[in-house]
Amino acid sequence: IVKRMQNKYEKFGKRLFDIICSLCGIVILSPFLAVVSLVSKLDSPGPIFFVQKRMGRNLESFNLIKFRSMTVVYDSEKCQFNPGDESRVTRIGYFLRKTKIDELPELLNVLKGEMSFVGPRPEVLKYRHIYTGKFAPVLSLRPGITDFASIKYRNEEELLRQSPEPEKVYREVILPDKLALSLKYKETISFKTDLSIIFITLGRILQGTRCPKGTG
């Protein structure tokens, strides 16, 4: 019975939840999103939004929408971004990334059905070759704004900055672990699981915006 309920939620309830919550979120947050857009535009020259092709469900690519948090570089060779690199992050960009406000425009992706509130984070196309073998089932999920991996790797950029080979560490260590957590999520999908992940994520974000009292 529990498994049947999980299947029904995954097929019907999850999408209904995404539509209702993303639509409400866009309407309620629209004044705040307008302010962030204005501040971002005044902070540095360039577009308000960052749009990039990402892997969606069943390897169908889509345009991920985020608030731009980095300076614009028009040289195609220099504009490549490596994991953990913060050299191009703008002043307001540091705050947007720390609080995850830069990801709020992804509500549009959720509303359009390209993403879900909860699901594996959408990767760039160059990592598609990793989604094979035991990780192939992850492709049946809509990518999400948050998931188990987002919670575990809340400070991913800090971890990668400490590595002499951040790209290699991400590709060979972090990404496979993220996909393993995505497989765990696929096996436990339910309304309760999604709510739990959402509330834990919000708690971590609020905790991260406070001044730390110690190293933990």
N, C-alpha and C. Protein backbone atom coordinates (compact mmCIF):
# COMPACT_ATOMS: atom_id res chain seq x y z
N ILE A 1 0.84 -1.20 0.00
CA ILE A 1 0.00 0.00 0.00
C ILE A 1 0.88 1.26 0.00
N VAL A 2 1.91 1.24 0.84
CA VAL A 2 2.81 2.39 0.92
C VAL A 2 3.48 2.63 -0.43
N LYS A 3 3.94 1.54 -1.07
CA LYS A 3 4.61 1.66 -2.36
C LYS A 3 3.64 2.19 -3.41
N ARG A 4 2.39 1.76 -3.35
CA ARG A 4 1.39 2.22 -4.31
C ARG A 4 1.14 3.72 -4.14
N MET A 5 1.09 4.16 -2.89
CA MET A 5 0.90 5.59 -2.62
C MET A 5 2.09 6.41 -3.11
N GLN A 6 3.30 5.86 -2.93
CA GLN A 6 4.49 6.55 -3.41
C GLN A 6 4.47 6.70 -4.92
N ASN A 7 4.04 5.63 -5.62
CA ASN A 7 3.98 5.67 -7.09
C ASN A 7 2.97 6.71 -7.57
N LYS A 8 1.82 6.78 -6.88
CA LYS A 8 0.79 7.75 -7.26
C LYS A 8 1.29 9.18 -7.03
N TYR A 9 1.98 9.37 -5.93
CA TYR A 9 2.52 10.71 -5.66
C TYR A 9 3.55 11.09 -6.71
N GLU A 10 4.44 10.14 -7.06
CA GLU A 10 5.48 10.43 -8.05
C GLU A 10 4.88 10.75 -9.41
N LYS A 11 3.82 10.06 -9.79
CA LYS A 11 3.23 10.24 -11.11
C LYS A 11 2.29 11.43 -11.19
N PHE A 12 1.53 11.70 -10.13
CA PHE A 12 0.51 12.75 -10.19
C PHE A 12 0.67 13.83 -9.12
N GLY A 13 0.79 13.43 -7.86
CA GLY A 13 0.80 14.38 -6.76
C GLY A 13 1.99 15.32 -6.77
N LYS A 14 3.15 14.82 -7.14
CA LYS A 14 4.38 15.62 -7.11
C LYS A 14 4.28 16.79 -8.09
N ARG A 15 3.75 16.51 -9.28
CA ARG A 15 3.62 17.58 -10.28
C ARG A 15 2.58 18.61 -9.85
N LEU A 16 1.48 18.15 -9.26
CA LEU A 16 0.45 19.06 -8.78
C LEU A 16 1.01 19.95 -7.67
N PHE A 17 1.78 19.36 -6.78
CA PHE A 17 2.44 20.12 -5.71
C PHE A 17 3.36 21.18 -6.30
N ASP A 18 4.13 20.80 -7.32
CA ASP A 18 5.07 21.74 -7.95
C ASP A 18 4.34 22.91 -8.60
N ILE A 19 3.25 22.63 -9.30
CA ILE A 19 2.51 23.69 -9.99
C ILE A 19 1.93 24.69 -9.00
N ILE A 20 1.26 24.18 -7.98
CA ILE A 20 0.62 25.06 -6.99
C ILE A 20 1.64 25.90 -6.25
N CYS A 21 2.70 25.25 -5.76
CA CYS A 21 3.69 25.96 -4.93
C CYS A 21 4.54 26.92 -5.75
N SER A 22 4.91 26.55 -6.98
CA SER A 22 5.72 27.46 -7.80
C SER A 22 4.92 28.67 -8.21
N LEU A 23 3.65 28.47 -8.55
CA LEU A 23 2.79 29.59 -8.95
C LEU A 23 2.58 30.54 -7.77
N CYS A 24 2.30 29.98 -6.60
CA CYS A 24 2.13 30.81 -5.40
C CYS A 24 3.43 31.53 -5.05
N GLY A 25 4.54 30.83 -5.19
CA GLY A 25 5.83 31.43 -4.88
C GLY A 25 6.16 32.60 -5.79
N ILE A 26 5.89 32.45 -7.08
CA ILE A 26 6.17 33.53 -8.03
C ILE A 26 5.31 34.75 -7.73
N VAL A 27 4.03 34.53 -7.44
CA VAL A 27 3.12 35.64 -7.15
C VAL A 27 3.51 36.35 -5.86
N ILE A 28 3.73 35.57 -4.80
CA ILE A 28 4.04 36.16 -3.49
C ILE A 28 5.40 36.86 -3.49
N LEU A 29 6.38 36.25 -4.17
CA LEU A 29 7.74 36.77 -4.13
C LEU A 29 8.04 37.79 -5.22
N SER A 30 7.09 38.07 -6.10
CA SER A 30 7.35 38.95 -7.24
C SER A 30 7.91 40.33 -6.83
N PRO A 31 7.40 40.99 -5.77
CA PRO A 31 8.01 42.28 -5.37
C PRO A 31 9.47 42.11 -4.95
N PHE A 32 9.74 41.04 -4.20
CA PHE A 32 11.12 40.78 -3.75
C PHE A 32 12.01 40.46 -4.94
N LEU A 33 11.52 39.68 -5.89
CA LEU A 33 12.30 39.33 -7.08
C LEU A 33 12.62 40.59 -7.90
N ALA A 34 11.68 41.52 -7.92
CA ALA A 34 11.90 42.78 -8.65
C ALA A 34 13.02 43.59 -8.00
N VAL A 35 13.04 43.61 -6.66
CA VAL A 35 14.09 44.34 -5.93
C VAL A 35 15.45 43.70 -6.18
N VAL A 36 15.52 42.37 -6.11
CA VAL A 36 16.78 41.67 -6.36
C VAL A 36 17.26 41.94 -7.78
N SER A 37 16.33 41.97 -8.73
CA SER A 37 16.69 42.25 -10.13
C SER A 37 17.32 43.63 -10.25
N LEU A 38 16.72 44.61 -9.59
CA LEU A 38 17.22 45.99 -9.65
C LEU A 38 18.60 46.10 -9.02
N VAL A 39 18.76 45.50 -7.85
CA VAL A 39 20.05 45.55 -7.15
C VAL A 39 21.14 44.86 -7.97
N SER A 40 20.81 43.73 -8.56
CA SER A 40 21.78 43.00 -9.37
C SER A 40 22.22 43.82 -10.58
N LYS A 41 21.27 44.51 -11.18
CA LYS A 41 21.57 45.33 -12.36
C LYS A 41 22.46 46.51 -11.99
N LEU A 42 22.22 47.10 -10.82
CA LEU A 42 23.03 48.24 -10.38
C LEU A 42 24.41 47.81 -9.90
N ASP A 43 24.53 46.57 -9.44
CA ASP A 43 25.79 46.09 -8.87
C ASP A 43 26.87 45.89 -9.92
N SER A 44 26.49 45.37 -11.09
CA SER A 44 27.48 45.13 -12.14
C SER A 44 26.79 45.09 -13.49
N PRO A 45 27.49 45.50 -14.55
CA PRO A 45 26.88 45.50 -15.87
C PRO A 45 26.62 44.08 -16.38
N GLY A 46 25.55 43.93 -17.14
CA GLY A 46 25.23 42.62 -17.68
C GLY A 46 23.76 42.29 -17.48
N PRO A 47 23.32 41.17 -17.97
CA PRO A 47 21.92 40.76 -17.82
C PRO A 47 21.56 40.44 -16.38
N ILE A 48 20.29 40.52 -16.06
CA ILE A 48 19.83 40.20 -14.70
C ILE A 48 19.90 38.70 -14.46
N PHE A 49 19.56 37.95 -15.47
CA PHE A 49 19.48 36.49 -15.31
C PHE A 49 20.65 35.77 -15.98
N PHE A 50 20.98 34.64 -15.41
CA PHE A 50 21.96 33.73 -15.97
C PHE A 50 21.19 32.54 -16.53
N VAL A 51 21.34 32.27 -17.80
CA VAL A 51 20.61 31.17 -18.45
C VAL A 51 21.63 30.20 -19.03
N GLN A 52 21.48 28.93 -18.70
CA GLN A 52 22.44 27.92 -19.16
C GLN A 52 21.74 26.60 -19.46
N LYS A 53 22.19 25.93 -20.51
CA LYS A 53 21.66 24.62 -20.85
C LYS A 53 22.05 23.61 -19.78
N ARG A 54 21.06 22.90 -19.26
CA ARG A 54 21.31 21.85 -18.28
C ARG A 54 20.59 20.57 -18.69
N MET A 55 21.00 19.47 -18.07
CA MET A 55 20.37 18.19 -18.36
C MET A 55 19.06 18.06 -17.60
N GLY A 56 18.00 17.73 -18.32
CA GLY A 56 16.71 17.51 -17.70
C GLY A 56 16.38 16.03 -17.64
N ARG A 57 15.12 15.75 -17.41
CA ARG A 57 14.67 14.37 -17.33
C ARG A 57 14.88 13.67 -18.66
N ASN A 58 15.37 12.44 -18.61
CA ASN A 58 15.63 11.63 -19.81
C ASN A 58 16.60 12.32 -20.78
N LEU A 59 17.54 13.07 -20.20
CA LEU A 59 18.60 13.75 -20.96
C LEU A 59 18.09 14.84 -21.89
N GLU A 60 16.85 15.28 -21.70
CA GLU A 60 16.35 16.40 -22.50
C GLU A 60 16.86 17.70 -21.88
N SER A 61 17.59 18.47 -22.65
CA SER A 61 18.17 19.70 -22.12
C SER A 61 17.11 20.80 -22.01
N PHE A 62 17.35 21.73 -21.10
CA PHE A 62 16.46 22.87 -20.92
C PHE A 62 17.30 24.05 -20.45
N ASN A 63 16.72 25.24 -20.50
CA ASN A 63 17.42 26.45 -20.08
C ASN A 63 17.16 26.74 -18.60
N LEU A 64 18.17 26.51 -17.78
CA LEU A 64 18.08 26.81 -16.35
C LEU A 64 18.16 28.32 -16.16
N ILE A 65 17.28 28.88 -15.32
CA ILE A 65 17.25 30.32 -15.09
C ILE A 65 17.64 30.62 -13.64
N LYS A 66 18.64 31.47 -13.48
CA LYS A 66 19.06 31.90 -12.15
C LYS A 66 19.36 33.40 -12.21
N PHE A 67 19.41 34.04 -11.04
CA PHE A 67 19.91 35.41 -11.01
C PHE A 67 21.41 35.36 -11.29
N ARG A 68 21.89 36.24 -12.13
CA ARG A 68 23.32 36.28 -12.43
C ARG A 68 24.09 36.69 -11.18
N SER A 69 25.10 35.92 -10.86
CA SER A 69 25.91 36.22 -9.67
C SER A 69 27.38 36.42 -10.02
N MET A 70 27.70 36.42 -11.31
CA MET A 70 29.09 36.56 -11.73
C MET A 70 29.21 37.65 -12.79
N THR A 71 30.41 38.20 -12.91
CA THR A 71 30.66 39.21 -13.93
C THR A 71 30.60 38.56 -15.31
N VAL A 72 30.21 39.34 -16.31
CA VAL A 72 30.08 38.83 -17.66
C VAL A 72 31.43 38.91 -18.37
N VAL A 73 31.82 37.79 -18.99
CA VAL A 73 33.03 37.75 -19.80
C VAL A 73 32.63 37.25 -21.17
N TYR A 74 32.93 38.04 -22.19
CA TYR A 74 32.46 37.69 -23.54
C TYR A 74 33.46 36.85 -24.32
N ASP A 75 34.66 36.68 -23.77
CA ASP A 75 35.64 35.79 -24.39
C ASP A 75 35.25 34.36 -24.06
N SER A 76 34.95 33.55 -25.06
CA SER A 76 34.45 32.19 -24.85
C SER A 76 35.42 31.31 -24.08
N GLU A 77 36.74 31.60 -24.20
CA GLU A 77 37.72 30.78 -23.48
C GLU A 77 37.81 31.20 -22.02
N LYS A 78 37.70 32.51 -21.77
CA LYS A 78 37.83 33.00 -20.41
C LYS A 78 36.56 32.84 -19.59
N CYS A 79 35.43 32.64 -20.27
CA CYS A 79 34.17 32.58 -19.53
C CYS A 79 33.86 31.20 -18.98
N GLN A 80 34.75 30.24 -19.22
CA GLN A 80 34.53 28.91 -18.68
C GLN A 80 34.60 28.96 -17.16
N PHE A 81 33.66 28.24 -16.52
CA PHE A 81 33.61 28.26 -15.06
C PHE A 81 34.01 26.91 -14.50
N ASN A 82 34.97 26.91 -13.60
CA ASN A 82 35.42 25.67 -12.97
C ASN A 82 34.80 25.55 -11.58
N PRO A 83 34.48 24.32 -11.12
CA PRO A 83 33.91 24.14 -9.79
C PRO A 83 34.78 24.77 -8.71
N GLY A 84 34.15 25.53 -7.82
CA GLY A 84 34.86 26.15 -6.72
C GLY A 84 35.48 27.49 -7.05
N ASP A 85 35.39 27.92 -8.30
CA ASP A 85 35.99 29.19 -8.71
C ASP A 85 35.06 30.35 -8.35
N GLU A 86 35.58 31.30 -7.55
CA GLU A 86 34.78 32.46 -7.16
C GLU A 86 35.39 33.76 -7.67
N SER A 87 36.34 33.67 -8.58
CA SER A 87 37.07 34.86 -9.04
C SER A 87 36.17 35.86 -9.75
N ARG A 88 35.05 35.40 -10.32
CA ARG A 88 34.17 36.29 -11.07
C ARG A 88 32.87 36.60 -10.33
N VAL A 89 32.73 36.14 -9.11
CA VAL A 89 31.50 36.38 -8.37
C VAL A 89 31.40 37.86 -7.99
N THR A 90 30.23 38.46 -8.23
CA THR A 90 30.02 39.89 -7.93
C THR A 90 29.79 40.09 -6.44
N ARG A 91 29.76 41.36 -6.03
CA ARG A 91 29.52 41.68 -4.62
C ARG A 91 28.17 41.15 -4.15
N ILE A 92 27.12 41.48 -4.90
CA ILE A 92 25.79 40.99 -4.53
C ILE A 92 25.69 39.49 -4.79
N GLY A 93 26.52 39.01 -5.73
CA GLY A 93 26.50 37.59 -6.05
C GLY A 93 26.87 36.69 -4.89
N TYR A 94 27.82 37.14 -4.05
CA TYR A 94 28.21 36.35 -2.87
C TYR A 94 26.99 36.13 -1.96
N PHE A 95 26.24 37.18 -1.75
CA PHE A 95 25.06 37.08 -0.89
C PHE A 95 23.99 36.22 -1.54
N LEU A 96 23.76 36.40 -2.83
CA LEU A 96 22.74 35.63 -3.53
C LEU A 96 23.05 34.14 -3.51
N ARG A 97 24.31 33.79 -3.68
CA ARG A 97 24.70 32.38 -3.69
C ARG A 97 24.66 31.77 -2.30
N LYS A 98 25.09 32.54 -1.30
CA LYS A 98 25.11 32.04 0.08
C LYS A 98 23.70 31.75 0.58
N THR A 99 22.76 32.61 0.22
CA THR A 99 21.38 32.46 0.68
C THR A 99 20.52 31.66 -0.29
N LYS A 100 21.11 31.28 -1.44
CA LYS A 100 20.39 30.55 -2.49
C LYS A 100 19.29 31.39 -3.16
N ILE A 101 19.32 32.70 -2.93
CA ILE A 101 18.34 33.57 -3.58
C ILE A 101 18.55 33.55 -5.10
N ASP A 102 19.79 33.30 -5.53
CA ASP A 102 20.05 33.26 -6.98
C ASP A 102 19.25 32.16 -7.68
N GLU A 103 18.76 31.18 -6.91
CA GLU A 103 18.02 30.07 -7.51
C GLU A 103 16.51 30.29 -7.55
N LEU A 104 16.03 31.39 -7.01
CA LEU A 104 14.58 31.63 -6.99
C LEU A 104 13.96 31.69 -8.39
N PRO A 105 14.64 32.22 -9.42
CA PRO A 105 14.04 32.19 -10.76
C PRO A 105 13.76 30.78 -11.28
N GLU A 106 14.37 29.77 -10.64
CA GLU A 106 14.11 28.40 -11.05
C GLU A 106 12.66 28.00 -10.79
N LEU A 107 11.92 28.84 -10.04
CA LEU A 107 10.49 28.60 -9.87
C LEU A 107 9.79 28.58 -11.23
N LEU A 108 10.32 29.36 -12.19
CA LEU A 108 9.77 29.35 -13.54
C LEU A 108 10.01 28.00 -14.21
N ASN A 109 11.19 27.43 -13.99
CA ASN A 109 11.49 26.11 -14.53
C ASN A 109 10.58 25.05 -13.93
N VAL A 110 10.28 25.21 -12.64
CA VAL A 110 9.37 24.27 -11.97
C VAL A 110 7.97 24.40 -12.54
N LEU A 111 7.49 25.62 -12.70
CA LEU A 111 6.15 25.85 -13.23
C LEU A 111 6.01 25.28 -14.64
N LYS A 112 7.06 25.39 -15.44
CA LYS A 112 7.03 24.90 -16.81
C LYS A 112 7.15 23.38 -16.90
N GLY A 113 7.48 22.74 -15.80
CA GLY A 113 7.60 21.28 -15.79
C GLY A 113 8.99 20.78 -16.13
N GLU A 114 9.95 21.69 -16.23
CA GLU A 114 11.33 21.30 -16.54
C GLU A 114 12.06 20.84 -15.28
N MET A 115 11.59 21.33 -14.12
CA MET A 115 12.19 20.98 -12.85
C MET A 115 11.10 20.69 -11.82
N SER A 116 11.53 20.23 -10.67
CA SER A 116 10.64 20.00 -9.53
C SER A 116 11.24 20.71 -8.32
N PHE A 117 10.45 20.89 -7.28
CA PHE A 117 11.01 21.48 -6.06
C PHE A 117 12.09 20.56 -5.50
N VAL A 118 11.81 19.27 -5.49
CA VAL A 118 12.77 18.31 -4.94
C VAL A 118 13.19 17.32 -6.03
N GLY A 119 14.48 17.19 -6.19
CA GLY A 119 15.03 16.29 -7.20
C GLY A 119 16.51 16.56 -7.35
N PRO A 120 17.24 15.70 -8.06
CA PRO A 120 18.68 15.91 -8.24
C PRO A 120 18.97 17.21 -8.97
N ARG A 121 19.98 17.93 -8.54
CA ARG A 121 20.33 19.19 -9.17
C ARG A 121 20.70 18.95 -10.64
N PRO A 122 20.22 19.80 -11.54
CA PRO A 122 20.51 19.62 -12.98
C PRO A 122 21.97 19.93 -13.29
N GLU A 123 22.65 18.98 -13.90
CA GLU A 123 24.06 19.16 -14.21
C GLU A 123 24.25 19.75 -15.61
N VAL A 124 25.45 20.28 -15.85
CA VAL A 124 25.79 20.77 -17.17
C VAL A 124 25.96 19.59 -18.11
N LEU A 125 25.83 19.84 -19.40
CA LEU A 125 25.79 18.76 -20.39
C LEU A 125 27.07 17.93 -20.46
N LYS A 126 28.20 18.52 -20.06
CA LYS A 126 29.46 17.78 -20.19
C LYS A 126 29.56 16.56 -19.27
N TYR A 127 28.64 16.49 -18.28
CA TYR A 127 28.68 15.35 -17.36
C TYR A 127 27.69 14.25 -17.72
N ARG A 128 27.06 14.34 -18.88
CA ARG A 128 26.01 13.39 -19.23
C ARG A 128 26.53 11.94 -19.30
N HIS A 129 27.83 11.78 -19.61
CA HIS A 129 28.38 10.42 -19.76
C HIS A 129 28.42 9.67 -18.42
N ILE A 130 28.30 10.39 -17.30
CA ILE A 130 28.34 9.74 -15.99
C ILE A 130 27.00 9.09 -15.66
N TYR A 131 25.93 9.56 -16.31
CA TYR A 131 24.59 9.04 -16.04
C TYR A 131 24.34 7.74 -16.80
N THR A 132 25.16 6.73 -16.54
CA THR A 132 25.02 5.43 -17.18
C THR A 132 25.07 4.35 -16.11
N GLY A 133 24.82 3.12 -16.52
CA GLY A 133 24.89 2.00 -15.58
C GLY A 133 23.95 2.16 -14.41
N LYS A 134 24.49 2.06 -13.21
CA LYS A 134 23.65 2.11 -12.01
C LYS A 134 23.03 3.48 -11.78
N PHE A 135 23.61 4.53 -12.41
CA PHE A 135 23.06 5.88 -12.22
C PHE A 135 22.00 6.25 -13.26
N ALA A 136 21.77 5.39 -14.23
CA ALA A 136 20.80 5.68 -15.29
C ALA A 136 19.39 5.96 -14.76
N PRO A 137 18.92 5.25 -13.70
CA PRO A 137 17.57 5.52 -13.18
C PRO A 137 17.35 6.95 -12.73
N VAL A 138 18.42 7.68 -12.41
CA VAL A 138 18.29 9.08 -11.98
C VAL A 138 17.67 9.93 -13.08
N LEU A 139 17.89 9.53 -14.33
CA LEU A 139 17.40 10.31 -15.47
C LEU A 139 15.88 10.31 -15.57
N SER A 140 15.22 9.40 -14.88
CA SER A 140 13.75 9.37 -14.92
C SER A 140 13.15 10.44 -14.01
N LEU A 141 13.99 11.09 -13.19
CA LEU A 141 13.51 12.11 -12.26
C LEU A 141 13.64 13.51 -12.87
N ARG A 142 12.68 14.36 -12.58
CA ARG A 142 12.86 15.77 -12.93
C ARG A 142 13.95 16.34 -12.02
N PRO A 143 14.88 17.10 -12.58
CA PRO A 143 15.88 17.75 -11.71
C PRO A 143 15.17 18.72 -10.77
N GLY A 144 15.78 18.98 -9.62
CA GLY A 144 15.10 19.79 -8.62
C GLY A 144 15.92 20.96 -8.11
N ILE A 145 15.25 21.78 -7.31
CA ILE A 145 15.92 22.92 -6.67
C ILE A 145 16.75 22.44 -5.49
N THR A 146 16.28 21.39 -4.81
CA THR A 146 17.03 20.85 -3.68
C THR A 146 16.80 19.35 -3.57
N ASP A 147 17.67 18.68 -2.86
CA ASP A 147 17.54 17.23 -2.61
C ASP A 147 18.51 16.85 -1.50
N PHE A 148 18.66 15.54 -1.27
CA PHE A 148 19.58 15.08 -0.24
C PHE A 148 21.00 15.59 -0.48
N ALA A 149 21.43 15.58 -1.75
CA ALA A 149 22.79 16.01 -2.08
C ALA A 149 22.99 17.50 -1.85
N SER A 150 21.97 18.29 -2.13
CA SER A 150 22.06 19.74 -1.91
C SER A 150 22.27 20.04 -0.43
N ILE A 151 21.64 19.23 0.41
CA ILE A 151 21.78 19.41 1.86
C ILE A 151 23.18 18.99 2.31
N LYS A 152 23.63 17.83 1.83
CA LYS A 152 24.94 17.32 2.24
C LYS A 152 26.06 18.22 1.75
N TYR A 153 25.94 18.71 0.51
CA TYR A 153 26.99 19.54 -0.07
C TYR A 153 26.60 21.01 -0.08
N ARG A 154 26.05 21.44 1.02
CA ARG A 154 25.65 22.84 1.19
C ARG A 154 26.85 23.78 0.98
N ASN A 155 28.04 23.35 1.40
CA ASN A 155 29.25 24.16 1.28
C ASN A 155 30.18 23.58 0.22
N GLU A 156 29.61 23.13 -0.87
CA GLU A 156 30.38 22.49 -1.93
C GLU A 156 31.49 23.38 -2.49
N GLU A 157 31.19 24.64 -2.71
CA GLU A 157 32.19 25.54 -3.28
C GLU A 157 33.40 25.69 -2.37
N GLU A 158 33.14 25.75 -1.06
CA GLU A 158 34.25 25.87 -0.11
C GLU A 158 35.13 24.62 -0.15
N LEU A 159 34.50 23.45 -0.27
CA LEU A 159 35.23 22.19 -0.33
C LEU A 159 36.11 22.13 -1.57
N LEU A 160 35.56 22.56 -2.70
CA LEU A 160 36.30 22.49 -3.95
C LEU A 160 37.45 23.49 -3.99
N ARG A 161 37.26 24.64 -3.36
CA ARG A 161 38.33 25.63 -3.34
C ARG A 161 39.56 25.12 -2.60
N GLN A 162 39.38 24.19 -1.69
CA GLN A 162 40.49 23.65 -0.91
C GLN A 162 41.28 22.59 -1.68
N SER A 163 40.75 22.17 -2.83
CA SER A 163 41.39 21.10 -3.60
C SER A 163 42.26 21.68 -4.71
N PRO A 164 43.45 21.11 -4.94
CA PRO A 164 44.30 21.57 -6.05
C PRO A 164 43.71 21.18 -7.41
N GLU A 165 42.81 20.19 -7.43
CA GLU A 165 42.18 19.74 -8.67
C GLU A 165 40.66 19.67 -8.48
N PRO A 166 40.01 20.83 -8.35
CA PRO A 166 38.57 20.85 -8.06
C PRO A 166 37.71 20.15 -9.11
N GLU A 167 38.05 20.31 -10.38
CA GLU A 167 37.26 19.67 -11.44
C GLU A 167 37.30 18.14 -11.31
N LYS A 168 38.49 17.60 -11.05
CA LYS A 168 38.66 16.16 -10.91
C LYS A 168 37.92 15.64 -9.67
N VAL A 169 38.05 16.37 -8.57
CA VAL A 169 37.38 15.97 -7.33
C VAL A 169 35.86 15.96 -7.52
N TYR A 170 35.36 16.99 -8.21
CA TYR A 170 33.91 17.04 -8.43
C TYR A 170 33.45 15.88 -9.31
N ARG A 171 34.17 15.65 -10.40
CA ARG A 171 33.77 14.63 -11.37
C ARG A 171 33.90 13.21 -10.81
N GLU A 172 34.96 12.95 -10.05
CA GLU A 172 35.25 11.59 -9.62
C GLU A 172 34.78 11.25 -8.21
N VAL A 173 34.54 12.28 -7.38
CA VAL A 173 34.15 12.01 -5.98
C VAL A 173 32.77 12.57 -5.65
N ILE A 174 32.61 13.87 -5.82
CA ILE A 174 31.36 14.51 -5.38
C ILE A 174 30.17 14.12 -6.24
N LEU A 175 30.32 14.21 -7.57
CA LEU A 175 29.19 13.91 -8.44
C LEU A 175 28.69 12.48 -8.30
N PRO A 176 29.56 11.46 -8.27
CA PRO A 176 29.07 10.10 -8.04
C PRO A 176 28.33 9.94 -6.72
N ASP A 177 28.81 10.64 -5.67
CA ASP A 177 28.13 10.58 -4.38
C ASP A 177 26.76 11.25 -4.47
N LYS A 178 26.68 12.36 -5.20
CA LYS A 178 25.40 13.03 -5.40
C LYS A 178 24.41 12.11 -6.10
N LEU A 179 24.89 11.41 -7.11
CA LEU A 179 24.01 10.52 -7.87
C LEU A 179 23.56 9.33 -7.01
N ALA A 180 24.43 8.87 -6.13
CA ALA A 180 24.05 7.80 -5.21
C ALA A 180 22.93 8.27 -4.28
N LEU A 181 23.02 9.52 -3.83
CA LEU A 181 21.97 10.09 -2.99
C LEU A 181 20.68 10.29 -3.79
N SER A 182 20.82 10.57 -5.08
CA SER A 182 19.64 10.71 -5.94
C SER A 182 18.93 9.36 -6.09
N LEU A 183 19.71 8.29 -6.18
CA LEU A 183 19.12 6.95 -6.25
C LEU A 183 18.36 6.64 -4.96
N LYS A 184 18.94 7.06 -3.83
CA LYS A 184 18.28 6.88 -2.54
C LYS A 184 16.96 7.63 -2.52
N TYR A 185 16.98 8.86 -3.06
CA TYR A 185 15.74 9.65 -3.11
C TYR A 185 14.69 8.97 -3.98
N LYS A 186 15.12 8.44 -5.12
CA LYS A 186 14.17 7.79 -6.02
C LYS A 186 13.45 6.63 -5.34
N GLU A 187 14.17 5.93 -4.47
CA GLU A 187 13.58 4.78 -3.77
C GLU A 187 12.66 5.21 -2.63
N THR A 188 12.74 6.46 -2.21
CA THR A 188 11.96 6.89 -1.04
C THR A 188 11.04 8.07 -1.35
N ILE A 189 10.78 8.32 -2.64
CA ILE A 189 9.93 9.46 -3.01
C ILE A 189 8.57 9.39 -2.33
N SER A 190 8.19 10.47 -1.68
CA SER A 190 6.87 10.59 -1.07
C SER A 190 6.65 12.05 -0.72
N PHE A 191 5.42 12.40 -0.45
CA PHE A 191 5.11 13.77 -0.05
C PHE A 191 5.84 14.10 1.24
N LYS A 192 5.89 13.15 2.16
CA LYS A 192 6.57 13.36 3.43
C LYS A 192 8.07 13.60 3.24
N THR A 193 8.68 12.80 2.34
CA THR A 193 10.11 12.97 2.07
C THR A 193 10.40 14.34 1.46
N ASP A 194 9.57 14.76 0.51
CA ASP A 194 9.76 16.06 -0.13
C ASP A 194 9.64 17.20 0.87
N LEU A 195 8.61 17.15 1.71
CA LEU A 195 8.45 18.20 2.73
C LEU A 195 9.64 18.23 3.67
N SER A 196 10.12 17.05 4.06
CA SER A 196 11.26 16.97 4.97
C SER A 196 12.49 17.62 4.34
N ILE A 197 12.76 17.31 3.07
CA ILE A 197 13.92 17.87 2.38
C ILE A 197 13.79 19.39 2.26
N ILE A 198 12.60 19.87 1.93
CA ILE A 198 12.37 21.30 1.78
C ILE A 198 12.60 22.04 3.10
N PHE A 199 12.06 21.51 4.20
CA PHE A 199 12.20 22.17 5.49
C PHE A 199 13.64 22.12 6.00
N ILE A 200 14.33 21.00 5.76
CA ILE A 200 15.74 20.91 6.16
C ILE A 200 16.57 21.91 5.37
N THR A 201 16.28 22.03 4.08
CA THR A 201 17.00 22.99 3.23
C THR A 201 16.81 24.41 3.73
N LEU A 202 15.56 24.77 4.01
CA LEU A 202 15.27 26.12 4.52
C LEU A 202 15.98 26.37 5.84
N GLY A 203 16.00 25.35 6.68
CA GLY A 203 16.69 25.48 7.97
C GLY A 203 18.18 25.71 7.80
N ARG A 204 18.79 24.99 6.87
CA ARG A 204 20.23 25.14 6.63
C ARG A 204 20.55 26.52 6.06
N ILE A 205 19.66 27.02 5.19
CA ILE A 205 19.87 28.34 4.60
C ILE A 205 19.81 29.42 5.69
N LEU A 206 18.80 29.32 6.55
CA LEU A 206 18.66 30.29 7.64
C LEU A 206 19.84 30.20 8.60
N GLN A 207 20.29 28.98 8.85
CA GLN A 207 21.43 28.78 9.74
C GLN A 207 22.69 29.37 9.13
N GLY A 208 22.82 29.25 7.80
CA GLY A 208 24.02 29.74 7.12
C GLY A 208 24.11 31.24 7.05
N THR A 209 22.97 31.94 7.19
CA THR A 209 22.99 33.41 7.13
C THR A 209 23.33 34.04 8.47
N ARG A 210 23.36 33.23 9.54
CA ARG A 210 23.71 33.76 10.85
C ARG A 210 25.22 33.76 11.04
N CYS A 211 25.68 34.60 11.90
CA CYS A 211 27.11 34.65 12.20
C CYS A 211 27.49 33.39 12.99
N PRO A 212 28.45 32.59 12.51
CA PRO A 212 28.82 31.38 13.21
C PRO A 212 29.45 31.65 14.56
N LYS A 213 29.11 30.83 15.55
CA LYS A 213 29.69 30.98 16.89
C LYS A 213 30.93 30.11 17.07
N GLY A 214 31.09 29.18 16.15
CA GLY A 214 32.25 28.30 16.23
C GLY A 214 32.58 27.75 14.86
N THR A 215 33.43 26.78 14.80
CA THR A 215 33.83 26.22 13.52
C THR A 215 32.85 25.17 13.03
N GLY A 216 31.98 24.65 13.87
CA GLY A 216 31.02 23.63 13.47
C GLY A 216 29.84 24.24 12.82
